[in-house]
Amino acid sequence: MHNPLIEPVLAILEQNPLGISEYKLLKELDLTTQVFSELEGDEKLILFRKHFLIMNALYRLQTQLWQEDKIKLRVSPLNIVIEQQTASLTSSSTTHLDDATEAKLAAYYLDWNEYNKTQTGDVEALLTGFYRKLYEGNDTQKALDVLELSENCSKEMIKKAYRQRIKHAHPDKGGDPQHFIKLRRAYEHLLSLC
């Protein structure tokens, strides 16, 4: 499916050589195109669709610019910018993505099925999950550190790590009650995210 925002996004990027935030890009596109006026649904679903269309256009551009011209488009909510090339860039580079997270984001936003299947209830769930992670992000990292786990650990791994550490920390076995509580809080927090 063709994304009608690609050309307008390029024009806005040309006018903003130091970069532009996604919010400002959305506002500019709202003023300069009619694409968003055709969207249907409630306010949250329309906002999701606007965001999806913008990110789809950006990731399509990112891929095309890299594959065709070896130009890197950095996509970040706070600054979308075409980066200057460095001497370390080699022609043998096959990817423009820096890490697995960006690759997952690109795959999501390049999949039109995600756009088509997402409904108002899905947007509500996405927002709830986003806000929970936003406010609990530091708590999650602390909990992972306490149980000596890495991100994306399974429920079974959380339980196993907790059982291993609790053997020595349990107050009935002479352990420190404060450390026991710390382990238990980390365990409960991580399980609540599964």
N, C-alpha and C. Protein backbone atom coordinates (compact mmCIF):
# COMPACT_ATOMS: atom_id res chain seq x y z
N MET A 1 0.84 -1.18 0.00
CA MET A 1 0.00 0.00 0.00
C MET A 1 0.89 1.24 0.00
N HIS A 2 0.55 2.18 -0.83
CA HIS A 2 1.31 3.42 -0.92
C HIS A 2 0.96 4.35 0.24
N ASN A 3 1.95 5.00 0.80
CA ASN A 3 1.71 5.96 1.87
C ASN A 3 1.78 7.37 1.28
N PRO A 4 0.66 8.11 1.30
CA PRO A 4 0.64 9.44 0.70
C PRO A 4 1.42 10.50 1.48
N LEU A 5 1.95 10.13 2.63
CA LEU A 5 2.69 11.10 3.44
C LEU A 5 4.18 11.16 3.10
N ILE A 6 4.68 10.24 2.29
CA ILE A 6 6.12 10.20 2.04
C ILE A 6 6.63 11.51 1.44
N GLU A 7 6.01 11.99 0.40
CA GLU A 7 6.47 13.25 -0.21
C GLU A 7 6.32 14.44 0.73
N PRO A 8 5.16 14.62 1.40
CA PRO A 8 5.07 15.74 2.34
C PRO A 8 6.08 15.66 3.49
N VAL A 9 6.37 14.44 3.96
CA VAL A 9 7.36 14.28 5.03
C VAL A 9 8.74 14.71 4.53
N LEU A 10 9.09 14.31 3.31
CA LEU A 10 10.37 14.73 2.74
C LEU A 10 10.46 16.25 2.64
N ALA A 11 9.38 16.88 2.22
CA ALA A 11 9.36 18.34 2.11
C ALA A 11 9.58 19.00 3.47
N ILE A 12 8.94 18.47 4.50
CA ILE A 12 9.09 19.03 5.85
C ILE A 12 10.50 18.79 6.38
N LEU A 13 11.06 17.61 6.12
CA LEU A 13 12.43 17.34 6.54
C LEU A 13 13.41 18.28 5.84
N GLU A 14 13.14 18.59 4.59
CA GLU A 14 13.99 19.52 3.85
C GLU A 14 13.97 20.91 4.50
N GLN A 15 12.83 21.30 5.01
CA GLN A 15 12.68 22.61 5.66
C GLN A 15 13.25 22.62 7.08
N ASN A 16 13.54 21.45 7.62
CA ASN A 16 14.03 21.33 9.01
C ASN A 16 15.30 20.50 9.04
N PRO A 17 16.42 21.04 8.54
CA PRO A 17 17.65 20.25 8.45
C PRO A 17 18.22 19.81 9.80
N LEU A 18 17.84 20.48 10.89
CA LEU A 18 18.32 20.08 12.21
C LEU A 18 17.41 19.04 12.86
N GLY A 19 16.32 18.72 12.17
CA GLY A 19 15.40 17.72 12.67
C GLY A 19 14.10 18.33 13.13
N ILE A 20 13.15 17.46 13.40
CA ILE A 20 11.81 17.88 13.83
C ILE A 20 11.23 16.77 14.71
N SER A 21 10.45 17.15 15.70
CA SER A 21 9.82 16.15 16.56
C SER A 21 8.63 15.55 15.83
N GLU A 22 8.21 14.38 16.27
CA GLU A 22 7.04 13.76 15.66
C GLU A 22 5.81 14.64 15.85
N TYR A 23 5.69 15.25 17.01
CA TYR A 23 4.54 16.12 17.29
C TYR A 23 4.49 17.29 16.30
N LYS A 24 5.62 17.95 16.09
CA LYS A 24 5.65 19.07 15.15
C LYS A 24 5.43 18.59 13.72
N LEU A 25 5.95 17.43 13.40
CA LEU A 25 5.73 16.85 12.07
C LEU A 25 4.24 16.59 11.85
N LEU A 26 3.58 16.02 12.86
CA LEU A 26 2.15 15.78 12.76
C LEU A 26 1.39 17.09 12.55
N LYS A 27 1.74 18.13 13.29
CA LYS A 27 1.06 19.42 13.16
C LYS A 27 1.28 20.00 11.76
N GLU A 28 2.51 19.90 11.25
CA GLU A 28 2.80 20.40 9.89
C GLU A 28 2.00 19.63 8.85
N LEU A 29 1.95 18.32 8.99
CA LEU A 29 1.20 17.49 8.04
C LEU A 29 -0.30 17.79 8.11
N ASP A 30 -0.79 18.05 9.31
CA ASP A 30 -2.19 18.41 9.49
C ASP A 30 -2.53 19.68 8.69
N LEU A 31 -1.57 20.62 8.66
CA LEU A 31 -1.80 21.89 7.96
C LEU A 31 -1.60 21.79 6.45
N THR A 32 -0.72 20.90 6.02
CA THR A 32 -0.31 20.90 4.61
C THR A 32 -0.90 19.77 3.77
N THR A 33 -1.57 18.80 4.39
CA THR A 33 -2.15 17.69 3.62
C THR A 33 -3.61 17.49 4.00
N GLN A 34 -4.30 16.74 3.20
CA GLN A 34 -5.69 16.39 3.47
C GLN A 34 -5.82 14.94 3.94
N VAL A 35 -4.69 14.24 4.07
CA VAL A 35 -4.71 12.82 4.37
C VAL A 35 -5.44 12.53 5.68
N PHE A 36 -5.18 13.30 6.70
CA PHE A 36 -5.76 13.03 8.01
C PHE A 36 -7.26 13.32 8.06
N SER A 37 -7.74 14.19 7.20
CA SER A 37 -9.17 14.53 7.21
C SER A 37 -10.04 13.36 6.78
N GLU A 38 -9.45 12.37 6.14
CA GLU A 38 -10.20 11.20 5.67
C GLU A 38 -10.30 10.10 6.72
N LEU A 39 -9.61 10.25 7.84
CA LEU A 39 -9.60 9.21 8.86
C LEU A 39 -10.91 9.19 9.63
N GLU A 40 -11.34 7.98 10.00
CA GLU A 40 -12.58 7.81 10.74
C GLU A 40 -12.32 7.09 12.05
N GLY A 41 -13.22 7.32 13.01
CA GLY A 41 -13.12 6.67 14.30
C GLY A 41 -13.18 7.69 15.41
N ASP A 42 -13.05 7.20 16.65
CA ASP A 42 -13.05 8.15 17.76
C ASP A 42 -11.69 8.86 17.82
N GLU A 43 -11.60 9.82 18.72
CA GLU A 43 -10.41 10.68 18.80
C GLU A 43 -9.11 9.89 19.00
N LYS A 44 -9.13 8.91 19.88
CA LYS A 44 -7.92 8.13 20.16
C LYS A 44 -7.53 7.26 18.97
N LEU A 45 -8.51 6.68 18.31
CA LEU A 45 -8.21 5.85 17.15
C LEU A 45 -7.65 6.71 16.01
N ILE A 46 -8.21 7.88 15.81
CA ILE A 46 -7.71 8.78 14.77
C ILE A 46 -6.28 9.20 15.08
N LEU A 47 -6.00 9.51 16.34
CA LEU A 47 -4.62 9.88 16.72
C LEU A 47 -3.67 8.71 16.47
N PHE A 48 -4.10 7.49 16.82
CA PHE A 48 -3.27 6.32 16.55
C PHE A 48 -3.01 6.19 15.05
N ARG A 49 -4.03 6.35 14.24
CA ARG A 49 -3.89 6.21 12.79
C ARG A 49 -2.95 7.28 12.22
N LYS A 50 -3.05 8.50 12.72
CA LYS A 50 -2.13 9.57 12.29
C LYS A 50 -0.70 9.16 12.61
N HIS A 51 -0.50 8.74 13.86
CA HIS A 51 0.83 8.33 14.31
C HIS A 51 1.34 7.17 13.45
N PHE A 52 0.50 6.19 13.21
CA PHE A 52 0.91 5.03 12.43
C PHE A 52 1.30 5.44 11.02
N LEU A 53 0.48 6.28 10.38
CA LEU A 53 0.79 6.73 9.02
C LEU A 53 2.11 7.48 8.96
N ILE A 54 2.36 8.32 9.95
CA ILE A 54 3.62 9.06 9.99
C ILE A 54 4.79 8.10 10.16
N MET A 55 4.68 7.19 11.12
CA MET A 55 5.78 6.26 11.37
C MET A 55 5.99 5.33 10.19
N ASN A 56 4.92 4.91 9.54
CA ASN A 56 5.05 4.08 8.35
C ASN A 56 5.82 4.84 7.27
N ALA A 57 5.46 6.09 7.05
CA ALA A 57 6.16 6.91 6.05
C ALA A 57 7.63 7.07 6.42
N LEU A 58 7.90 7.32 7.70
CA LEU A 58 9.29 7.51 8.13
C LEU A 58 10.12 6.24 7.97
N TYR A 59 9.57 5.10 8.36
CA TYR A 59 10.33 3.86 8.23
C TYR A 59 10.48 3.43 6.77
N ARG A 60 9.49 3.73 5.95
CA ARG A 60 9.65 3.47 4.51
C ARG A 60 10.76 4.35 3.94
N LEU A 61 10.73 5.62 4.31
CA LEU A 61 11.79 6.53 3.86
C LEU A 61 13.15 6.09 4.39
N GLN A 62 13.19 5.70 5.65
CA GLN A 62 14.45 5.27 6.25
C GLN A 62 15.05 4.12 5.45
N THR A 63 14.22 3.14 5.13
CA THR A 63 14.67 1.98 4.36
C THR A 63 15.11 2.39 2.95
N GLN A 64 14.29 3.16 2.28
CA GLN A 64 14.60 3.57 0.91
C GLN A 64 15.87 4.43 0.84
N LEU A 65 15.97 5.40 1.74
CA LEU A 65 17.14 6.28 1.72
C LEU A 65 18.43 5.50 1.97
N TRP A 66 18.34 4.53 2.88
CA TRP A 66 19.53 3.74 3.18
C TRP A 66 19.88 2.82 2.02
N GLN A 67 18.89 2.07 1.52
CA GLN A 67 19.16 1.09 0.46
C GLN A 67 19.59 1.76 -0.84
N GLU A 68 18.97 2.87 -1.17
CA GLU A 68 19.25 3.49 -2.47
C GLU A 68 20.40 4.49 -2.43
N ASP A 69 20.54 5.22 -1.31
CA ASP A 69 21.52 6.31 -1.28
C ASP A 69 22.51 6.25 -0.12
N LYS A 70 22.39 5.23 0.75
CA LYS A 70 23.23 5.12 1.94
C LYS A 70 23.15 6.38 2.80
N ILE A 71 21.94 6.93 2.91
CA ILE A 71 21.66 8.08 3.76
C ILE A 71 20.85 7.59 4.94
N LYS A 72 21.26 8.00 6.14
CA LYS A 72 20.61 7.53 7.36
C LYS A 72 19.58 8.54 7.85
N LEU A 73 18.36 8.06 7.99
CA LEU A 73 17.29 8.84 8.60
C LEU A 73 17.10 8.32 10.01
N ARG A 74 17.36 9.17 10.99
CA ARG A 74 17.19 8.79 12.39
C ARG A 74 15.74 9.07 12.78
N VAL A 75 15.04 8.03 13.26
CA VAL A 75 13.64 8.17 13.64
C VAL A 75 13.53 8.07 15.15
N SER A 76 13.15 9.16 15.77
CA SER A 76 12.96 9.25 17.21
C SER A 76 11.79 10.18 17.46
N PRO A 77 10.98 9.95 18.48
CA PRO A 77 9.84 10.84 18.71
C PRO A 77 10.24 12.30 18.92
N LEU A 78 11.43 12.51 19.48
CA LEU A 78 11.85 13.87 19.78
C LEU A 78 12.63 14.53 18.66
N ASN A 79 13.23 13.75 17.78
CA ASN A 79 13.99 14.36 16.69
C ASN A 79 14.13 13.39 15.52
N ILE A 80 13.48 13.74 14.45
CA ILE A 80 13.58 12.99 13.20
C ILE A 80 14.51 13.79 12.31
N VAL A 81 15.63 13.20 11.92
CA VAL A 81 16.64 13.97 11.22
C VAL A 81 17.44 13.08 10.26
N ILE A 82 17.84 13.68 9.15
CA ILE A 82 18.76 13.01 8.24
C ILE A 82 20.15 13.29 8.77
N GLU A 83 20.88 12.23 9.10
CA GLU A 83 22.19 12.39 9.72
C GLU A 83 23.28 12.54 8.67
N GLN A 84 24.30 13.28 9.04
CA GLN A 84 25.46 13.44 8.18
C GLN A 84 26.24 12.14 8.15
N GLN A 85 26.78 11.82 6.99
CA GLN A 85 27.56 10.60 6.85
C GLN A 85 28.95 10.78 7.46
N THR A 86 29.49 9.68 7.96
CA THR A 86 30.82 9.71 8.54
C THR A 86 31.74 8.82 7.73
N ALA A 87 33.03 9.00 7.94
CA ALA A 87 34.02 8.20 7.21
C ALA A 87 33.92 6.72 7.54
N SER A 88 33.35 6.40 8.71
CA SER A 88 33.28 4.99 9.12
C SER A 88 32.17 4.22 8.40
N LEU A 89 31.33 4.93 7.67
CA LEU A 89 30.27 4.26 6.93
C LEU A 89 30.86 3.51 5.76
N THR A 90 30.56 2.22 5.68
CA THR A 90 31.11 1.42 4.59
C THR A 90 30.00 0.99 3.65
N SER A 91 30.36 0.74 2.43
CA SER A 91 29.36 0.31 1.45
C SER A 91 28.89 -1.11 1.71
N SER A 92 29.61 -1.83 2.56
CA SER A 92 29.19 -3.20 2.87
C SER A 92 28.11 -3.24 3.95
N SER A 93 27.79 -2.09 4.54
CA SER A 93 26.73 -2.07 5.54
C SER A 93 25.42 -2.49 4.90
N THR A 94 24.72 -3.38 5.56
CA THR A 94 23.48 -3.88 4.97
C THR A 94 22.25 -3.40 5.70
N THR A 95 22.42 -2.76 6.82
CA THR A 95 21.26 -2.32 7.56
C THR A 95 21.41 -0.89 8.02
N HIS A 96 20.29 -0.23 8.16
CA HIS A 96 20.27 1.13 8.66
C HIS A 96 19.81 1.15 10.10
N LEU A 97 19.41 0.02 10.65
CA LEU A 97 18.89 -0.04 12.00
C LEU A 97 20.01 -0.30 12.99
N ASP A 98 19.96 0.43 14.11
CA ASP A 98 21.02 0.32 15.10
C ASP A 98 20.84 -0.85 16.05
N ASP A 99 19.63 -1.22 16.33
CA ASP A 99 19.44 -2.28 17.31
C ASP A 99 18.14 -3.04 17.07
N ALA A 100 17.97 -4.06 17.86
CA ALA A 100 16.81 -4.93 17.69
C ALA A 100 15.50 -4.20 17.98
N THR A 101 15.52 -3.27 18.91
CA THR A 101 14.31 -2.51 19.23
C THR A 101 13.83 -1.70 18.04
N GLU A 102 14.76 -1.00 17.42
CA GLU A 102 14.37 -0.20 16.25
C GLU A 102 13.90 -1.11 15.12
N ALA A 103 14.51 -2.25 14.99
CA ALA A 103 14.09 -3.20 13.95
C ALA A 103 12.66 -3.68 14.21
N LYS A 104 12.32 -3.94 15.48
CA LYS A 104 10.96 -4.37 15.82
C LYS A 104 9.96 -3.25 15.55
N LEU A 105 10.33 -2.02 15.90
CA LEU A 105 9.45 -0.89 15.63
C LEU A 105 9.20 -0.73 14.14
N ALA A 106 10.27 -0.81 13.37
CA ALA A 106 10.14 -0.67 11.91
C ALA A 106 9.23 -1.77 11.36
N ALA A 107 9.43 -2.99 11.81
CA ALA A 107 8.60 -4.11 11.32
C ALA A 107 7.14 -3.87 11.65
N TYR A 108 6.88 -3.38 12.85
CA TYR A 108 5.50 -3.11 13.26
C TYR A 108 4.87 -2.03 12.37
N TYR A 109 5.56 -0.92 12.22
CA TYR A 109 4.98 0.20 11.46
C TYR A 109 4.97 -0.02 9.95
N LEU A 110 5.73 -0.95 9.46
CA LEU A 110 5.71 -1.25 8.04
C LEU A 110 4.65 -2.30 7.68
N ASP A 111 4.00 -2.85 8.68
CA ASP A 111 2.99 -3.88 8.47
C ASP A 111 1.60 -3.24 8.45
N TRP A 112 1.00 -3.11 7.26
CA TRP A 112 -0.31 -2.49 7.13
C TRP A 112 -1.39 -3.27 7.87
N ASN A 113 -1.17 -4.55 8.12
CA ASN A 113 -2.15 -5.33 8.88
C ASN A 113 -2.32 -4.76 10.28
N GLU A 114 -1.23 -4.25 10.87
CA GLU A 114 -1.31 -3.63 12.20
C GLU A 114 -2.22 -2.40 12.16
N TYR A 115 -2.10 -1.63 11.11
CA TYR A 115 -2.95 -0.44 10.94
C TYR A 115 -4.41 -0.84 10.78
N ASN A 116 -4.65 -1.80 9.91
CA ASN A 116 -6.02 -2.20 9.59
C ASN A 116 -6.74 -2.90 10.74
N LYS A 117 -6.01 -3.70 11.51
CA LYS A 117 -6.69 -4.48 12.54
C LYS A 117 -6.86 -3.73 13.86
N THR A 118 -6.14 -2.63 14.05
CA THR A 118 -6.21 -1.92 15.32
C THR A 118 -7.50 -1.13 15.42
N GLN A 119 -8.23 -1.37 16.51
CA GLN A 119 -9.50 -0.69 16.78
C GLN A 119 -9.39 0.10 18.08
N THR A 120 -10.45 0.79 18.45
CA THR A 120 -10.45 1.65 19.63
C THR A 120 -10.02 0.91 20.89
N GLY A 121 -10.52 -0.29 21.11
CA GLY A 121 -10.15 -1.06 22.30
C GLY A 121 -8.66 -1.38 22.32
N ASP A 122 -8.09 -1.65 21.16
CA ASP A 122 -6.66 -1.93 21.07
C ASP A 122 -5.84 -0.69 21.44
N VAL A 123 -6.31 0.47 20.99
CA VAL A 123 -5.62 1.72 21.30
C VAL A 123 -5.66 1.98 22.80
N GLU A 124 -6.81 1.73 23.41
CA GLU A 124 -6.93 1.89 24.87
C GLU A 124 -5.93 0.99 25.59
N ALA A 125 -5.83 -0.26 25.15
CA ALA A 125 -4.88 -1.19 25.77
C ALA A 125 -3.44 -0.74 25.56
N LEU A 126 -3.13 -0.26 24.36
CA LEU A 126 -1.78 0.25 24.08
C LEU A 126 -1.44 1.42 24.99
N LEU A 127 -2.38 2.35 25.14
CA LEU A 127 -2.15 3.52 25.98
C LEU A 127 -1.98 3.13 27.44
N THR A 128 -2.81 2.21 27.91
CA THR A 128 -2.70 1.76 29.29
C THR A 128 -1.34 1.12 29.54
N GLY A 129 -0.93 0.24 28.63
CA GLY A 129 0.38 -0.40 28.75
C GLY A 129 1.52 0.59 28.67
N PHE A 130 1.39 1.58 27.77
CA PHE A 130 2.43 2.60 27.63
C PHE A 130 2.59 3.39 28.92
N TYR A 131 1.48 3.86 29.48
CA TYR A 131 1.57 4.66 30.69
C TYR A 131 2.07 3.84 31.87
N ARG A 132 1.66 2.58 31.93
CA ARG A 132 2.15 1.73 33.02
C ARG A 132 3.66 1.57 32.91
N LYS A 133 4.15 1.31 31.71
CA LYS A 133 5.59 1.15 31.52
C LYS A 133 6.33 2.47 31.73
N LEU A 134 5.71 3.57 31.32
CA LEU A 134 6.34 4.87 31.50
C LEU A 134 6.57 5.16 32.97
N TYR A 135 5.55 4.94 33.77
CA TYR A 135 5.66 5.25 35.18
C TYR A 135 6.36 4.18 35.99
N GLU A 136 6.45 2.97 35.45
CA GLU A 136 7.08 1.89 36.18
C GLU A 136 8.40 1.46 35.57
N GLY A 137 8.88 2.18 34.55
CA GLY A 137 10.10 1.80 33.86
C GLY A 137 11.28 1.65 34.79
N ASN A 138 11.49 2.62 35.67
CA ASN A 138 12.59 2.53 36.62
C ASN A 138 12.37 1.38 37.60
N ASP A 139 11.13 1.19 38.03
CA ASP A 139 10.82 0.09 38.94
C ASP A 139 11.12 -1.25 38.28
N THR A 140 10.82 -1.36 37.01
CA THR A 140 11.06 -2.61 36.30
C THR A 140 12.54 -2.92 36.23
N GLN A 141 13.35 -1.93 35.88
CA GLN A 141 14.79 -2.15 35.80
C GLN A 141 15.35 -2.51 37.18
N LYS A 142 14.88 -1.84 38.21
CA LYS A 142 15.33 -2.15 39.57
C LYS A 142 14.96 -3.58 39.95
N ALA A 143 13.74 -3.98 39.60
CA ALA A 143 13.28 -5.35 39.90
C ALA A 143 14.13 -6.37 39.17
N LEU A 144 14.43 -6.10 37.91
CA LEU A 144 15.30 -7.01 37.14
C LEU A 144 16.67 -7.11 37.79
N ASP A 145 17.20 -5.98 38.24
CA ASP A 145 18.52 -5.97 38.89
C ASP A 145 18.49 -6.76 40.19
N VAL A 146 17.44 -6.59 40.99
CA VAL A 146 17.33 -7.28 42.27
C VAL A 146 17.34 -8.80 42.07
N LEU A 147 16.63 -9.26 41.05
CA LEU A 147 16.56 -10.70 40.80
C LEU A 147 17.63 -11.17 39.81
N GLU A 148 18.50 -10.24 39.41
CA GLU A 148 19.59 -10.53 38.48
C GLU A 148 19.09 -11.17 37.20
N LEU A 149 18.10 -10.50 36.60
CA LEU A 149 17.50 -10.97 35.36
C LEU A 149 17.71 -9.94 34.26
N SER A 150 17.57 -10.37 33.03
CA SER A 150 17.66 -9.45 31.91
C SER A 150 16.25 -9.18 31.37
N GLU A 151 16.14 -8.16 30.54
CA GLU A 151 14.83 -7.84 29.95
C GLU A 151 14.33 -9.02 29.15
N ASN A 152 13.04 -9.06 28.93
CA ASN A 152 12.38 -10.11 28.16
C ASN A 152 12.50 -11.49 28.80
N CYS A 153 12.66 -11.54 30.12
CA CYS A 153 12.71 -12.84 30.79
C CYS A 153 11.30 -13.41 30.89
N SER A 154 11.22 -14.70 30.91
CA SER A 154 9.93 -15.38 30.96
C SER A 154 9.42 -15.45 32.41
N LYS A 155 8.15 -15.78 32.54
CA LYS A 155 7.54 -15.96 33.85
C LYS A 155 8.27 -17.05 34.63
N GLU A 156 8.62 -18.11 33.93
CA GLU A 156 9.34 -19.22 34.58
C GLU A 156 10.71 -18.77 35.08
N MET A 157 11.39 -17.93 34.31
CA MET A 157 12.70 -17.44 34.72
C MET A 157 12.59 -16.54 35.95
N ILE A 158 11.53 -15.75 36.02
CA ILE A 158 11.29 -14.88 37.18
C ILE A 158 11.08 -15.73 38.42
N LYS A 159 10.23 -16.75 38.29
CA LYS A 159 9.95 -17.62 39.44
C LYS A 159 11.20 -18.36 39.90
N LYS A 160 11.98 -18.84 38.96
CA LYS A 160 13.20 -19.58 39.30
C LYS A 160 14.21 -18.68 40.01
N ALA A 161 14.40 -17.47 39.47
CA ALA A 161 15.34 -16.52 40.09
C ALA A 161 14.89 -16.16 41.50
N TYR A 162 13.59 -15.96 41.66
CA TYR A 162 13.06 -15.61 42.97
C TYR A 162 13.29 -16.76 43.96
N ARG A 163 12.97 -17.98 43.56
CA ARG A 163 13.15 -19.14 44.45
C ARG A 163 14.62 -19.31 44.85
N GLN A 164 15.52 -19.10 43.91
CA GLN A 164 16.94 -19.26 44.21
C GLN A 164 17.40 -18.23 45.24
N ARG A 165 16.97 -17.00 45.09
CA ARG A 165 17.43 -15.93 45.98
C ARG A 165 16.73 -15.95 47.33
N ILE A 166 15.51 -16.44 47.35
CA ILE A 166 14.73 -16.44 48.58
C ILE A 166 15.25 -17.47 49.59
N LYS A 167 15.94 -18.50 49.09
CA LYS A 167 16.48 -19.54 49.98
C LYS A 167 17.35 -18.95 51.07
N HIS A 168 18.14 -17.97 50.72
CA HIS A 168 19.09 -17.40 51.68
C HIS A 168 18.54 -16.15 52.37
N ALA A 169 17.50 -15.55 51.80
CA ALA A 169 16.99 -14.29 52.35
C ALA A 169 15.78 -14.48 53.27
N HIS A 170 15.20 -15.65 53.27
CA HIS A 170 13.98 -15.87 54.06
C HIS A 170 14.28 -15.67 55.54
N PRO A 171 13.45 -14.88 56.24
CA PRO A 171 13.68 -14.63 57.67
C PRO A 171 13.69 -15.90 58.52
N ASP A 172 12.93 -16.92 58.14
CA ASP A 172 12.91 -18.17 58.90
C ASP A 172 14.24 -18.91 58.81
N LYS A 173 15.06 -18.55 57.84
CA LYS A 173 16.36 -19.20 57.67
C LYS A 173 17.50 -18.26 58.04
N GLY A 174 17.16 -17.22 58.83
CA GLY A 174 18.18 -16.29 59.29
C GLY A 174 18.48 -15.15 58.33
N GLY A 175 17.67 -15.01 57.32
CA GLY A 175 17.89 -13.94 56.35
C GLY A 175 17.40 -12.59 56.84
N ASP A 176 17.80 -11.57 56.13
CA ASP A 176 17.42 -10.20 56.44
C ASP A 176 15.98 -9.94 55.96
N PRO A 177 15.07 -9.56 56.85
CA PRO A 177 13.68 -9.31 56.45
C PRO A 177 13.56 -8.20 55.38
N GLN A 178 14.38 -7.18 55.46
CA GLN A 178 14.32 -6.10 54.47
C GLN A 178 14.70 -6.60 53.09
N HIS A 179 15.72 -7.45 53.04
CA HIS A 179 16.14 -8.01 51.76
C HIS A 179 15.06 -8.95 51.21
N PHE A 180 14.43 -9.70 52.11
CA PHE A 180 13.34 -10.57 51.71
C PHE A 180 12.21 -9.76 51.06
N ILE A 181 11.84 -8.66 51.69
CA ILE A 181 10.77 -7.80 51.15
C ILE A 181 11.17 -7.23 49.80
N LYS A 182 12.41 -6.84 49.68
CA LYS A 182 12.91 -6.29 48.41
C LYS A 182 12.80 -7.33 47.29
N LEU A 183 13.18 -8.58 47.59
CA LEU A 183 13.06 -9.66 46.61
C LEU A 183 11.60 -9.91 46.24
N ARG A 184 10.74 -9.92 47.27
CA ARG A 184 9.33 -10.19 47.03
C ARG A 184 8.69 -9.09 46.19
N ARG A 185 9.03 -7.83 46.47
CA ARG A 185 8.48 -6.71 45.68
C ARG A 185 8.92 -6.82 44.22
N ALA A 186 10.19 -7.15 44.01
CA ALA A 186 10.70 -7.30 42.64
C ALA A 186 9.96 -8.42 41.93
N TYR A 187 9.76 -9.52 42.62
CA TYR A 187 9.05 -10.68 42.08
C TYR A 187 7.62 -10.31 41.69
N GLU A 188 6.90 -9.67 42.60
CA GLU A 188 5.51 -9.28 42.34
C GLU A 188 5.43 -8.30 41.17
N HIS A 189 6.34 -7.35 41.15
CA HIS A 189 6.33 -6.35 40.08
C HIS A 189 6.54 -7.00 38.71
N LEU A 190 7.54 -7.86 38.61
CA LEU A 190 7.82 -8.49 37.33
C LEU A 190 6.70 -9.42 36.89
N LEU A 191 6.11 -10.14 37.82
CA LEU A 191 4.99 -11.02 37.47
C LEU A 191 3.78 -10.21 36.99
N SER A 192 3.60 -9.02 37.54
CA SER A 192 2.45 -8.21 37.11
C SER A 192 2.58 -7.74 35.67
N LEU A 193 3.80 -7.78 35.12
CA LEU A 193 4.03 -7.35 33.74
C LEU A 193 3.88 -8.48 32.74
N CYS A 194 3.82 -9.73 33.25
CA CYS A 194 3.73 -10.90 32.36
C CYS A 194 2.33 -11.08 31.81
